[in-house]
C-alpha atoms as a PDB file:
ATOM      1  CA  MET A   1       5.984 -20.202   5.753  1.00  0.00           C
ATOM      2  CA  SER A   2       2.731 -18.481   6.592  1.00  0.00           C
ATOM      3  CA  THR A   3      -0.516 -20.278   7.265  1.00  0.00           C
ATOM      4  CA  TYR A   4      -1.942 -18.629   4.157  1.00  0.00           C
ATOM      5  CA  GLN A   5       0.784 -20.104   1.973  1.00  0.00           C
ATOM      6  CA  ASP A   6       0.392 -23.486   3.658  1.00  0.00           C
ATOM      7  CA  ASP A   7      -3.342 -23.348   2.949  1.00  0.00           C
ATOM      8  CA  THR A   8      -2.587 -22.468  -0.671  1.00  0.00           C
ATOM      9  CA  MET A   9      -0.380 -25.540  -1.069  1.00  0.00           C
ATOM     10  CA  LYS A  10      -2.992 -27.802   0.455  1.00  0.00           C
ATOM     11  CA  GLU A  11      -5.656 -26.181  -1.700  1.00  0.00           C
ATOM     12  CA  ALA A  12      -3.659 -27.326  -4.744  1.00  0.00           C
ATOM     13  CA  LEU A  13      -3.708 -30.899  -3.427  1.00  0.00           C
ATOM     14  CA  LYS A  14      -7.433 -30.620  -2.660  1.00  0.00           C
ATOM     15  CA  LEU A  15      -8.117 -29.457  -6.232  1.00  0.00           C
ATOM     16  CA  PHE A  16      -6.064 -32.362  -7.547  1.00  0.00           C
ATOM     17  CA  ILE A  17      -8.142 -34.806  -5.467  1.00  0.00           C
ATOM     18  CA  THR A  18     -11.502 -33.341  -6.523  1.00  0.00           C
ATOM     19  CA  ASP A  19     -10.349 -33.427 -10.154  1.00  0.00           C
ATOM     20  CA  GLN A  20      -9.551 -37.132  -9.880  1.00  0.00           C
ATOM     21  CA  VAL A  21     -12.472 -38.295  -7.709  1.00  0.00           C
ATOM     22  CA  ALA A  22     -16.161 -37.823  -8.441  1.00  0.00           C
ATOM     23  CA  SER A  23     -17.879 -36.302  -5.394  1.00  0.00           C
ATOM     24  CA  PRO A  24     -15.337 -37.225  -2.709  1.00  0.00           C
ATOM     25  CA  LYS A  25     -16.456 -36.927   0.903  1.00  0.00           C
ATOM     26  CA  GLU A  26     -15.212 -33.800   2.675  1.00  0.00           C
ATOM     27  CA  GLU A  27     -14.098 -35.921   5.621  1.00  0.00           C
ATOM     28  CA  GLU A  28     -11.969 -38.077   3.326  1.00  0.00           C
ATOM     29  CA  ILE A  29     -10.330 -35.008   1.799  1.00  0.00           C
ATOM     30  CA  ASN A  30      -9.602 -33.522   5.216  1.00  0.00           C
ATOM     31  CA  ASP A  31      -8.049 -36.786   6.401  1.00  0.00           C
ATOM     32  CA  ILE A  32      -5.747 -36.814   3.368  1.00  0.00           C
ATOM     33  CA  LEU A  33      -4.725 -33.178   3.768  1.00  0.00           C
ATOM     34  CA  ALA A  34      -4.013 -33.714   7.474  1.00  0.00           C
ATOM     35  CA  LEU A  35      -1.209 -36.136   6.581  1.00  0.00           C
ATOM     36  CA  PHE A  36       0.814 -33.569   4.638  1.00  0.00           C
ATOM     37  CA  GLU A  37       3.115 -30.796   5.787  1.00  0.00           C
ATOM     38  CA  GLU A  38       5.094 -28.298   3.755  1.00  0.00           C
ATOM     39  CA  LYS A  39       8.830 -28.525   3.331  1.00  0.00           C
ATOM     40  CA  LYS A  40      11.042 -26.215   1.294  1.00  0.00           C
ATOM     41  CA  PHE A  41      13.909 -27.465  -0.851  1.00  0.00           C
ATOM     42  CA  LYS A  42      16.690 -25.627  -2.669  1.00  0.00           C
ATOM     43  CA  LYS A  43      17.691 -26.451  -6.237  1.00  0.00           C
ATOM     44  CA  GLY A  44      20.029 -29.454  -6.119  1.00  0.00           C
ATOM     45  CA  GLU A  45      18.775 -30.719  -2.743  1.00  0.00           C
ATOM     46  CA  PHE A  46      17.458 -34.264  -2.445  1.00  0.00           C
ATOM     47  CA  PHE A  47      13.931 -35.085  -1.383  1.00  0.00           C
ATOM     48  CA  LYS A  48      15.231 -38.658  -1.101  1.00  0.00           C
ATOM     49  CA  GLU A  49      18.965 -39.261  -0.859  1.00  0.00           C
ATOM     50  CA  PRO A  50      20.497 -42.220  -2.728  1.00  0.00           C
ATOM     51  CA  PHE A  51      21.339 -45.354  -0.718  1.00  0.00           C
ATOM     52  CA  LYS A  52      19.131 -44.186   2.137  1.00  0.00           C
ATOM     53  CA  ILE A  53      15.633 -45.170   3.215  1.00  0.00           C
ATOM     54  CA  GLY A  54      12.788 -43.220   1.608  1.00  0.00           C
ATOM     55  CA  ASN A  55      10.140 -43.020   4.301  1.00  0.00           C
ATOM     56  CA  HIS A  56       8.061 -40.208   2.797  1.00  0.00           C
ATOM     57  CA  ILE A  57       5.778 -39.497  -0.104  1.00  0.00           C
ATOM     58  CA  ALA A  58       5.472 -35.999  -1.542  1.00  0.00           C
ATOM     59  CA  PHE A  59       2.948 -34.108  -3.600  1.00  0.00           C
ATOM     60  CA  LEU A  60       4.541 -31.745  -6.105  1.00  0.00           C
ATOM     61  CA  SER A  61       2.049 -29.080  -7.133  1.00  0.00           C
ATOM     62  CA  VAL A  62       4.484 -26.842  -9.045  1.00  0.00           C
ATOM     63  CA  GLY A  63       8.079 -27.496 -10.078  1.00  0.00           C
ATOM     64  CA  ALA A  64      10.197 -30.463 -11.126  1.00  0.00           C
ATOM     65  CA  VAL A  65      12.255 -33.265  -9.594  1.00  0.00           C
ATOM     66  CA  ARG A  66      14.655 -35.745 -11.171  1.00  0.00           C
ATOM     67  CA  LEU A  67      14.653 -39.449 -10.300  1.00  0.00           C
ATOM     68  CA  ILE A  68      18.263 -40.669 -10.512  1.00  0.00           C
ATOM     69  CA  ILE A  69      19.662 -44.195 -10.299  1.00  0.00           C
ATOM     70  CA  TYR A  70      23.221 -44.225  -8.954  1.00  0.00           C
ATOM     71  CA  LYS A  71      25.651 -46.961  -9.956  1.00  0.00           C
ATOM     72  CA  GLU A  72      28.293 -48.360  -7.611  1.00  0.00           C
ATOM     73  CA  ASN A  73      31.033 -46.648  -9.650  1.00  0.00           C
ATOM     74  CA  GLY A  74      29.422 -43.241  -9.050  1.00  0.00           C
ATOM     75  CA  ASP A  75      27.807 -42.855 -12.468  1.00  0.00           C
ATOM     76  CA  GLU A  76      24.203 -41.733 -12.585  1.00  0.00           C
ATOM     77  CA  ILE A  77      21.253 -42.412 -14.849  1.00  0.00           C
ATOM     78  CA  THR A  78      18.317 -40.031 -15.096  1.00  0.00           C
ATOM     79  CA  ALA A  79      15.336 -42.346 -14.858  1.00  0.00           C
ATOM     80  CA  ARG A  80      12.566 -39.761 -15.094  1.00  0.00           C
ATOM     81  CA  ILE A  81      11.671 -36.135 -14.552  1.00  0.00           C
ATOM     82  CA  ARG A  82       8.431 -35.517 -12.697  1.00  0.00           C
ATOM     83  CA  GLN A  83       6.625 -32.170 -12.854  1.00  0.00           C
ATOM     84  CA  ASP A  84       3.470 -30.379 -11.686  1.00  0.00           C
ATOM     85  CA  ASN A  85       0.705 -32.325  -9.926  1.00  0.00           C
ATOM     86  CA  SER A  86       2.681 -35.482  -9.210  1.00  0.00           C
ATOM     87  CA  PHE A  87       3.125 -37.793  -6.288  1.00  0.00           C
ATOM     88  CA  ILE A  88       6.805 -38.464  -5.613  1.00  0.00           C
ATOM     89  CA  VAL A  89       7.982 -41.612  -3.854  1.00  0.00           C
ATOM     90  CA  ASP A  90      10.837 -44.106  -3.947  1.00  0.00           C
ATOM     91  CA  PRO A  91       9.142 -47.128  -5.615  1.00  0.00           C
ATOM     92  CA  PHE A  92      11.701 -49.501  -4.074  1.00  0.00           C
ATOM     93  CA  ARG A  93      10.356 -48.543  -0.632  1.00  0.00           C
ATOM     94  CA  LEU A  94       6.873 -49.737  -1.555  1.00  0.00           C
ATOM     95  CA  ASN A  95       8.259 -53.277  -1.555  1.00  0.00           C
ATOM     96  CA  GLY A  96       9.736 -52.864   1.913  1.00  0.00           C
ATOM     97  CA  THR A  97      13.300 -52.226   0.739  1.00  0.00           C
ATOM     98  CA  ASP A  98      15.482 -50.722   3.472  1.00  0.00           C
ATOM     99  CA  SER A  99      17.447 -48.519   1.075  1.00  0.00           C
ATOM    100  CA  SER A 100      17.853 -48.070  -2.659  1.00  0.00           C
ATOM    101  CA  PRO A 101      20.203 -46.483  -5.199  1.00  0.00           C
ATOM    102  CA  LEU A 102      17.463 -44.043  -6.174  1.00  0.00           C
ATOM    103  CA  GLY A 103      17.918 -40.342  -5.476  1.00  0.00           C
ATOM    104  CA  ILE A 104      15.179 -37.753  -5.997  1.00  0.00           C
ATOM    105  CA  GLU A 105      16.710 -34.343  -6.718  1.00  0.00           C
ATOM    106  CA  CYS A 106      14.917 -30.996  -6.813  1.00  0.00           C
ATOM    107  CA  LEU A 107      15.598 -29.279 -10.137  1.00  0.00           C
ATOM    108  CA  GLU A 108      14.627 -25.855  -8.813  1.00  0.00           C
ATOM    109  CA  ASP A 109      13.743 -24.143  -5.551  1.00  0.00           C
ATOM    110  CA  LEU A 110      10.387 -25.590  -4.625  1.00  0.00           C
ATOM    111  CA  THR A 111       8.000 -26.522  -1.859  1.00  0.00           C
ATOM    112  CA  LEU A 112       6.716 -30.058  -1.450  1.00  0.00           C
ATOM    113  CA  LEU A 113       3.859 -31.367   0.632  1.00  0.00           C
ATOM    114  CA  ILE A 114       5.411 -34.252   2.590  1.00  0.00           C
ATOM    115  CA  ALA A 115       3.673 -37.162   4.335  1.00  0.00           C
ATOM    116  CA  SER A 116       4.832 -40.264   6.151  1.00  0.00           C
ATOM    117  CA  LEU A 117       4.617 -43.214   3.765  1.00  0.00           C
ATOM    118  CA  GLU A 118       3.544 -45.420   6.661  1.00  0.00           C
ATOM    119  CA  LYS A 119       0.637 -43.105   7.533  1.00  0.00           C
ATOM    120  CA  VAL A 120      -0.447 -42.859   3.887  1.00  0.00           C
ATOM    121  CA  GLN A 121      -0.441 -46.650   3.566  1.00  0.00           C
ATOM    122  CA  LYS A 122      -2.516 -46.933   6.741  1.00  0.00           C
ATOM    123  CA  LEU A 123      -5.072 -44.389   5.491  1.00  0.00           C
ATOM    124  CA  LEU A 124      -5.362 -46.313   2.216  1.00  0.00           C
ATOM    125  CA  GLU A 125      -7.065 -49.069   4.219  1.00  0.00           C
ATOM    126  CA  THR A 126     -10.100 -46.875   4.939  1.00  0.00           C
ATOM    127  CA  ASN A 127     -10.074 -43.850   2.618  1.00  0.00           C
ATOM    128  CA  LEU A 128     -11.775 -44.429  -0.742  1.00  0.00           C
ATOM    129  CA  ALA A 129     -10.804 -41.045  -2.206  1.00  0.00           C
ATOM    130  CA  LEU A 130      -7.128 -41.644  -1.500  1.00  0.00           C
ATOM    131  CA  ASN A 131      -7.372 -45.100  -3.063  1.00  0.00           C
ATOM    132  CA  ILE A 132      -8.868 -43.665  -6.248  1.00  0.00           C
ATOM    133  CA  VAL A 133      -6.285 -40.886  -6.502  1.00  0.00           C
ATOM    134  CA  ILE A 134      -3.335 -43.216  -5.956  1.00  0.00           C
ATOM    135  CA  ARG A 135      -4.722 -45.882  -8.283  1.00  0.00           C
ATOM    136  CA  LYS A 136      -5.249 -43.394 -11.129  1.00  0.00           C
ATOM    137  CA  HIS A 137      -1.786 -41.919 -10.591  1.00  0.00           C
ATOM    138  CA  GLN A 138      -0.197 -45.387 -10.629  1.00  0.00           C
ATOM    139  CA  LYS A 139      -2.081 -46.305 -13.805  1.00  0.00           C
ATOM    140  CA  GLU A 140      -0.772 -43.207 -15.602  1.00  0.00           C
ATOM    141  CA  GLN A 141       2.767 -43.890 -14.433  1.00  0.00           C
ATOM    142  CA  MET A 142       2.629 -47.562 -15.415  1.00  0.00           C
ATOM    143  CA  LEU A 143       1.325 -46.779 -18.901  1.00  0.00           C
ATOM    144  CA  GLU A 144       4.036 -44.185 -19.466  1.00  0.00           C
ATOM    145  CA  MET A 145       6.739 -46.528 -18.180  1.00  0.00           C
ATOM    146  CA  ALA A 146       5.433 -49.432 -20.290  1.00  0.00           C
ATOM    147  CA  LYS A 147       5.563 -47.331 -23.457  1.00  0.00           C
ATOM    148  CA  SER A 148       9.029 -46.080 -22.575  1.00  0.00           C
ATOM    149  CA  HIS A 149      10.288 -49.606 -21.807  1.00  0.00           C
ATOM    150  CA  TYR A 150       8.828 -50.907 -25.074  1.00  0.00           C
ATOM    151  CA  LEU A 151      10.763 -48.262 -27.006  1.00  0.00           C
ATOM    152  CA  PHE A 152      13.957 -49.176 -25.145  1.00  0.00           C
ATOM    153  CA  LEU A 153      13.531 -52.773 -26.300  1.00  0.00           C
ATOM    154  CA  THR A 154      12.361 -52.183 -29.855  1.00  0.00           C
ATOM    155  CA  GLY A 155      12.885 -48.539 -30.843  1.00  0.00           C
ATOM    156  CA  THR A 156      15.758 -46.510 -32.200  1.00  0.00           C
ATOM    157  CA  ALA A 157      17.341 -43.551 -30.429  1.00  0.00           C
ATOM    158  CA  LYS A 158      15.342 -41.291 -32.733  1.00  0.00           C
ATOM    159  CA  GLU A 159      12.077 -42.999 -31.760  1.00  0.00           C
ATOM    160  CA  ARG A 160      12.895 -42.744 -28.062  1.00  0.00           C
ATOM    161  CA  TYR A 161      13.672 -39.040 -28.465  1.00  0.00           C
ATOM    162  CA  GLN A 162      10.417 -38.557 -30.387  1.00  0.00           C
ATOM    163  CA  PHE A 163       8.552 -40.185 -27.488  1.00  0.00           C
ATOM    164  CA  ILE A 164       9.913 -37.471 -25.175  1.00  0.00           C
ATOM    165  CA  ILE A 165       8.903 -34.731 -27.629  1.00  0.00           C
ATOM    166  CA  ASP A 166       5.402 -36.158 -28.066  1.00  0.00           C
ATOM    167  CA  ASN A 167       4.713 -36.754 -24.364  1.00  0.00           C
ATOM    168  CA  ASN A 168       6.817 -34.150 -22.521  1.00  0.00           C
ATOM    169  CA  PRO A 169       7.965 -31.480 -25.012  1.00  0.00           C
ATOM    170  CA  GLU A 170       8.680 -28.978 -22.226  1.00  0.00           C
ATOM    171  CA  LEU A 171      11.501 -31.206 -20.946  1.00  0.00           C
ATOM    172  CA  ILE A 172      13.612 -30.340 -23.987  1.00  0.00           C
ATOM    173  CA  LYS A 173      13.185 -26.624 -23.330  1.00  0.00           C
ATOM    174  CA  LYS A 174      13.582 -26.576 -19.549  1.00  0.00           C
ATOM    175  CA  PHE A 175      16.324 -29.065 -18.671  1.00  0.00           C
ATOM    176  CA  PRO A 176      19.889 -29.942 -19.716  1.00  0.00           C
ATOM    177  CA  LEU A 177      20.087 -32.225 -22.734  1.00  0.00           C
ATOM    178  CA  ARG A 178      22.333 -34.592 -20.781  1.00  0.00           C
ATOM    179  CA  PHE A 179      19.283 -35.434 -18.643  1.00  0.00           C
ATOM    180  CA  ILE A 180      17.251 -36.231 -21.759  1.00  0.00           C
ATOM    181  CA  ALA A 181      20.078 -38.280 -23.264  1.00  0.00           C
ATOM    182  CA  SER A 182      20.353 -40.320 -20.069  1.00  0.00           C
ATOM    183  CA  MET A 183      16.600 -40.920 -19.982  1.00  0.00           C
ATOM    184  CA  ILE A 184      16.641 -42.459 -23.464  1.00  0.00           C
ATOM    185  CA  GLY A 185      19.874 -44.395 -22.993  1.00  0.00           C
ATOM    186  CA  ILE A 186      22.295 -42.525 -25.239  1.00  0.00           C
ATOM    187  CA  THR A 187      25.179 -40.084 -24.822  1.00  0.00           C
ATOM    188  CA  PRO A 188      24.747 -36.300 -25.190  1.00  0.00           C
ATOM    189  CA  THR A 189      26.813 -36.492 -28.397  1.00  0.00           C
ATOM    190  CA  GLN A 190      24.483 -39.109 -29.846  1.00  0.00           C
ATOM    191  CA  LEU A 191      21.496 -36.985 -28.862  1.00  0.00           C
ATOM    192  CA  SER A 192      22.969 -34.015 -30.699  1.00  0.00           C
ATOM    193  CA  ARG A 193      23.239 -36.141 -33.815  1.00  0.00           C
ATOM    194  CA  VAL A 194      19.636 -37.288 -33.468  1.00  0.00           C
ATOM    195  CA  ARG A 195      18.468 -33.696 -33.037  1.00  0.00           C
ATOM    196  CA  ASN A 196      20.484 -32.502 -36.036  1.00  0.00           C
ATOM    197  CA  LYS A 197      18.842 -35.105 -38.261  1.00  0.00           C
ATOM    198  CA  LYS A 198      15.334 -33.841 -37.465  1.00  0.00           C
END
């Protein structure tokens, strides 16, 4: 990939940082950008393979990835689909886990900005801008997951489907319905019934 394209990818990350942080220091931004390198992935490739160690964090500026939990019997559950302007990481690794059943699959040909998780964690000790960006991102993710978990405990299949429509309507249009069904804990047949009732 050319230097121009590499600069374009990092410019997207820089814009994301300046959007999240009020008046960040240029030095802090440069230190963050220096951690990341581009890596291309084909549709269906894994950013993080299941049952292996996830030692990297990625910034996804454009595109989509699927977070998949693999069961011992080979079955899979779509946990989430992450899209534009997202940090991608195996959350099990943040707790020091050696490996996890989580796989992170690219849903299209895309380019990710990749950084060593160890180096990012080290920079968090001194870089205020990075702390703010990560903290805000984690807050958004936790709120979304809390709402989703609440619906799993108390809501109907229809209410869980409506949550997807209200919060991520493009998912229904862009990705196979079996992914959506898995995310809300029902079969594709049950999802078809829910959709037909609307």
